[in-house]
Amino acid sequence: MTGRPSPRLLIGAFGVAALGDLLALLADFGPGHAVCKPLLMPLLAAYVAARRGPRLLVAALLFGWGGDTFLLFDAELAFLAGMGSFAAGHVCYLVLFKRYGTGAPRARGAGLVAVYALALIGTVALLWPDLPADMRGPVAGYSLLLTAMAFGATTLGPTAGAGGALFLLSDTLIATGVAEWPQLPRPDFAIMLTYIAAQYLLSQGVLAAAGRTAPEVTSESVPAPR
C-alpha cells in the first residue's frame, strides 16, 4: 500500500468543494466561498497526479489556483495578477493540445477558426469602449490567448472542446463585469459554475488523450526477470 489518496476519493472531494462553493455563492455566504474556492484546483490537480496525468496538466490547474486566489481580492493589481496566472495556465494547455491533439478535418477546422475568431473580435469590440483605459490592452491580449486555448481544446475531442468553450464563457462573464455591463441575477454563481465545469472537462479531455497516446506495455517491452 502506498498510503496515497485514491483518484476516486480526490475527485469526490473536488465535487464536495465545488458544491460547497456554489451553494455559498447562492446563499451569499462570503466566508464559505473564500474557503471552498481555493480548494478546487489543488484537489483537481491532486486527482490528475493520482491518475498519473501529465505534469503540465497539474501545472495548468495550479496556475488556475493562483488565479482563483488572486481574484478573491477586490483590487486591480490582484485582478491583473490573477489574469496573468490564468494566462500561464492557458499556455500549459496549449502545449498539451499540441502534444496530444489529433487535429481536425480541414473543413471543420476552418469553420471552428471562423467561429472563435468572430467570438474574439466581437467580444473585444463590444467591451472595448466600456473597459477602463488601463485594462484594455491586458484584457485584449488575454482574450486572444484564451480564445486560442478554447479553439485548441477542440483538437482533443468534444469533452475538452466543451471545457474550452465554457472557460471562454466564464471569462467573458467576468469581462462584462469589469466593463460594468448589466449582469445576471447571480453573476458570480454563473462564472464559477462554468469555470468549475471547464477545468474538470479540460482535465478529463487531456487525461483521455494522454491515455490514448501512452505507449502500450507488451510482454516484449517488460524486462525479463534476472
Protein backbone atom coordinates (compact mmCIF):
# COMPACT_ATOMS: atom_id res chain seq x y z
CA MET A 1 0.00 0.00 0.00
CA THR A 2 1.27 3.49 -0.84
CA GLY A 3 -0.94 5.44 1.55
CA ARG A 4 -1.80 7.94 -1.19
CA PRO A 5 -5.42 9.11 -1.59
CA SER A 6 -7.22 7.32 -4.39
CA PRO A 7 -8.35 9.21 -7.50
CA ARG A 8 -11.96 8.42 -6.58
CA LEU A 9 -11.56 10.00 -3.16
CA LEU A 10 -9.87 13.09 -4.59
CA ILE A 11 -12.44 13.69 -7.31
CA GLY A 12 -15.16 13.18 -4.70
CA ALA A 13 -13.53 15.83 -2.51
CA PHE A 14 -13.35 18.13 -5.54
CA GLY A 15 -17.06 17.59 -6.10
CA VAL A 16 -17.84 18.40 -2.46
CA ALA A 17 -15.74 21.58 -2.61
CA ALA A 18 -17.41 22.60 -5.87
CA LEU A 19 -20.88 22.04 -4.44
CA GLY A 20 -19.95 23.91 -1.28
CA ASP A 21 -18.63 26.86 -3.27
CA LEU A 22 -21.69 27.08 -5.49
CA LEU A 23 -24.07 26.83 -2.53
CA ALA A 24 -22.09 29.52 -0.70
CA LEU A 25 -22.45 31.81 -3.70
CA LEU A 26 -26.18 31.19 -3.94
CA ALA A 27 -26.54 31.91 -0.22
CA ASP A 28 -24.29 34.98 -0.50
CA PHE A 29 -22.09 33.44 2.21
CA GLY A 30 -18.71 35.04 1.57
CA PRO A 31 -16.67 33.01 4.09
CA GLY A 32 -17.84 29.75 2.50
CA HIS A 33 -16.75 30.94 -0.92
CA ALA A 34 -13.41 32.12 0.48
CA VAL A 35 -12.80 28.65 1.96
CA CYS A 36 -14.08 26.45 -0.87
CA LYS A 37 -12.79 28.30 -3.92
CA PRO A 38 -9.05 27.91 -3.12
CA LEU A 39 -9.56 24.17 -2.55
CA LEU A 40 -10.95 23.44 -6.01
CA MET A 41 -7.90 23.41 -8.27
CA PRO A 42 -5.47 21.80 -5.77
CA LEU A 43 -7.93 18.92 -5.35
CA LEU A 44 -8.38 18.58 -9.11
CA ALA A 45 -4.60 18.75 -9.59
CA ALA A 46 -4.12 16.06 -6.93
CA TYR A 47 -6.67 13.90 -8.75
CA VAL A 48 -4.75 14.33 -12.01
CA ALA A 49 -1.49 13.45 -10.25
CA ALA A 50 -3.11 10.37 -8.72
CA ARG A 51 -4.22 9.35 -12.22
CA ARG A 52 -0.57 9.80 -13.31
CA GLY A 53 -1.63 12.52 -15.71
CA PRO A 54 0.80 14.88 -17.44
CA ARG A 55 2.71 17.17 -15.11
CA LEU A 56 1.92 20.05 -17.40
CA LEU A 57 -1.79 19.48 -16.71
CA VAL A 58 -1.08 19.65 -12.98
CA ALA A 59 0.78 22.91 -13.61
CA ALA A 60 -2.14 24.33 -15.63
CA LEU A 61 -4.53 23.61 -12.77
CA LEU A 62 -2.18 25.10 -10.17
CA PHE A 63 -1.89 28.24 -12.26
CA GLY A 64 -5.69 28.26 -12.19
CA TRP A 65 -5.49 28.01 -8.40
CA GLY A 66 -3.23 31.05 -8.40
CA GLY A 67 -5.75 32.95 -10.49
CA ASP A 68 -8.61 31.86 -8.25
CA THR A 69 -6.75 33.06 -5.16
CA PHE A 70 -5.79 36.44 -6.59
CA LEU A 71 -9.36 37.09 -7.73
CA LEU A 72 -10.60 36.75 -4.16
CA PHE A 73 -9.14 40.20 -3.56
CA ASP A 74 -11.03 43.20 -4.88
CA ALA A 75 -8.12 45.20 -6.28
CA GLU A 76 -6.97 45.99 -9.80
CA LEU A 77 -3.44 44.70 -9.14
CA ALA A 78 -4.85 41.40 -7.84
CA PHE A 79 -7.09 41.16 -10.92
CA LEU A 80 -4.10 41.63 -13.23
CA ALA A 81 -2.06 39.09 -11.28
CA GLY A 82 -4.92 36.62 -11.48
CA MET A 83 -5.26 37.17 -15.21
CA GLY A 84 -1.52 36.57 -15.60
CA SER A 85 -1.74 33.32 -13.64
CA PHE A 86 -4.64 32.10 -15.77
CA ALA A 87 -2.70 33.11 -18.89
CA ALA A 88 0.20 30.90 -17.80
CA GLY A 89 -2.28 28.05 -17.37
CA HIS A 90 -3.59 28.62 -20.89
CA VAL A 91 -0.04 28.35 -22.24
CA CYS A 92 0.29 25.00 -20.46
CA TYR A 93 -2.96 23.85 -22.05
CA LEU A 94 -1.81 24.95 -25.49
CA VAL A 95 1.36 22.88 -25.14
CA LEU A 96 -0.73 19.90 -24.03
CA PHE A 97 -3.06 20.29 -27.02
CA LYS A 98 -0.06 20.42 -29.33
CA ARG A 99 1.32 17.26 -27.73
CA TYR A 100 -1.86 15.18 -27.59
CA GLY A 101 -4.25 16.78 -30.08
CA THR A 102 -5.20 14.90 -33.20
CA GLY A 103 -6.17 17.95 -35.23
CA ALA A 104 -9.45 18.44 -37.06
CA PRO A 105 -10.55 17.85 -40.64
CA ARG A 106 -9.73 20.88 -42.77
CA ALA A 107 -13.35 21.93 -43.36
CA ARG A 108 -14.37 21.60 -39.71
CA GLY A 109 -11.14 23.23 -38.57
CA ALA A 110 -11.72 26.24 -40.83
CA GLY A 111 -15.26 26.59 -39.55
CA LEU A 112 -14.13 26.49 -35.92
CA VAL A 113 -11.42 29.06 -36.60
CA ALA A 114 -14.07 31.36 -38.07
CA VAL A 115 -16.42 30.87 -35.09
CA TYR A 116 -13.77 31.53 -32.46
CA ALA A 117 -12.25 34.43 -34.42
CA LEU A 118 -15.66 36.10 -34.68
CA ALA A 119 -16.28 35.48 -30.99
CA LEU A 120 -12.94 37.09 -30.11
CA ILE A 121 -13.33 40.12 -32.38
CA GLY A 122 -16.96 40.67 -31.46
CA THR A 123 -16.42 40.39 -27.71
CA VAL A 124 -13.37 42.67 -27.61
CA ALA A 125 -15.01 45.21 -29.92
CA LEU A 126 -18.15 45.35 -27.80
CA LEU A 127 -16.33 45.51 -24.48
CA TRP A 128 -13.57 47.91 -25.56
CA PRO A 129 -15.43 51.24 -25.08
CA ASP A 130 -16.64 50.25 -21.59
CA LEU A 131 -13.35 48.88 -20.25
CA PRO A 132 -11.14 51.11 -18.10
CA ALA A 133 -8.38 52.53 -20.32
CA ASP A 134 -5.58 50.79 -18.43
CA MET A 135 -7.36 47.42 -18.70
CA ARG A 136 -7.97 47.41 -22.45
CA GLY A 137 -4.56 46.11 -23.51
CA PRO A 138 -4.32 43.34 -20.88
CA VAL A 139 -7.91 42.21 -21.49
CA ALA A 140 -7.44 42.14 -25.28
CA GLY A 141 -4.17 40.18 -25.01
CA TYR A 142 -5.65 37.74 -22.52
CA SER A 143 -8.75 37.31 -24.68
CA LEU A 144 -6.57 36.34 -27.64
CA LEU A 145 -4.74 33.71 -25.58
CA LEU A 146 -7.97 32.42 -24.05
CA THR A 147 -9.62 32.07 -27.45
CA ALA A 148 -6.58 30.22 -28.81
CA MET A 149 -6.81 27.83 -25.86
CA ALA A 150 -10.53 27.28 -26.37
CA PHE A 151 -10.00 26.53 -30.05
CA GLY A 152 -7.01 24.29 -29.35
CA ALA A 153 -9.08 22.25 -26.91
CA THR A 154 -11.27 21.08 -29.79
CA THR A 155 -8.34 19.04 -31.16
CA LEU A 156 -8.68 16.69 -28.18
CA GLY A 157 -12.32 15.88 -28.81
CA PRO A 158 -15.73 17.01 -27.57
CA THR A 159 -15.01 16.76 -23.84
CA ALA A 160 -12.01 19.09 -23.88
CA GLY A 161 -13.69 21.22 -26.55
CA ALA A 162 -16.68 21.79 -24.27
CA GLY A 163 -14.28 22.66 -21.45
CA GLY A 164 -12.52 25.25 -23.58
CA ALA A 165 -15.82 26.82 -24.65
CA LEU A 166 -17.04 27.02 -21.04
CA PHE A 167 -13.77 28.62 -19.95
CA LEU A 168 -14.27 31.22 -22.66
CA LEU A 169 -17.82 31.84 -21.49
CA SER A 170 -16.81 32.11 -17.84
CA ASP A 171 -14.08 34.67 -18.50
CA THR A 172 -16.36 36.62 -20.84
CA LEU A 173 -18.82 36.94 -17.97
CA ILE A 174 -16.00 38.31 -15.81
CA ALA A 175 -15.06 40.81 -18.53
CA THR A 176 -18.63 42.09 -18.78
CA GLY A 177 -18.50 42.78 -15.05
CA VAL A 178 -15.25 44.74 -15.44
CA ALA A 179 -16.94 46.72 -18.23
CA GLU A 180 -19.90 47.29 -15.88
CA TRP A 181 -22.45 45.76 -18.24
CA PRO A 182 -25.82 44.59 -16.88
CA GLN A 183 -25.30 41.28 -15.10
CA LEU A 184 -27.26 38.11 -14.43
CA PRO A 185 -29.02 37.91 -11.04
CA ARG A 186 -26.10 35.87 -9.60
CA PRO A 187 -23.15 36.52 -11.94
CA ASP A 188 -20.62 35.06 -9.51
CA PHE A 189 -22.55 31.77 -9.47
CA ALA A 190 -22.67 31.59 -13.28
CA ILE A 191 -18.96 32.41 -13.51
CA MET A 192 -17.93 29.71 -11.04
CA LEU A 193 -20.34 27.09 -12.41
CA THR A 194 -18.95 27.45 -15.94
CA TYR A 195 -15.35 27.71 -14.67
CA ILE A 196 -15.52 24.59 -12.49
CA ALA A 197 -17.10 22.60 -15.32
CA ALA A 198 -14.49 23.95 -17.75
CA GLN A 199 -11.48 22.89 -15.69
CA TYR A 200 -12.99 19.46 -14.99
CA LEU A 201 -13.81 18.80 -18.65
CA LEU A 202 -10.40 20.03 -19.82
CA SER A 203 -8.71 17.75 -17.29
CA GLN A 204 -10.75 14.74 -18.38
CA GLY A 205 -10.11 15.51 -22.05
CA VAL A 206 -6.35 15.75 -21.55
CA LEU A 207 -6.24 12.61 -19.39
CA ALA A 208 -8.14 10.67 -22.05
CA ALA A 209 -5.92 11.96 -24.86
CA ALA A 210 -2.74 11.24 -22.89
CA GLY A 211 -4.01 7.73 -22.20
CA ARG A 212 -4.63 7.13 -25.90
CA THR A 213 -1.09 8.17 -26.81
CA ALA A 214 0.67 6.36 -23.96
CA PRO A 215 2.99 3.59 -25.17
CA GLU A 216 1.40 0.20 -24.95
CA VAL A 217 3.05 -2.16 -22.48
CA THR A 218 3.64 -5.56 -24.08
CA SER A 219 5.44 -8.69 -22.99
CA GLU A 220 8.36 -7.69 -25.22
CA SER A 221 8.66 -4.29 -23.53
CA VAL A 222 8.82 -5.74 -19.99
CA PRO A 223 12.37 -6.67 -18.92
CA ALA A 224 12.86 -10.35 -18.24
CA PRO A 225 13.43 -11.24 -14.59
CA ARG A 226 17.08 -11.68 -13.67
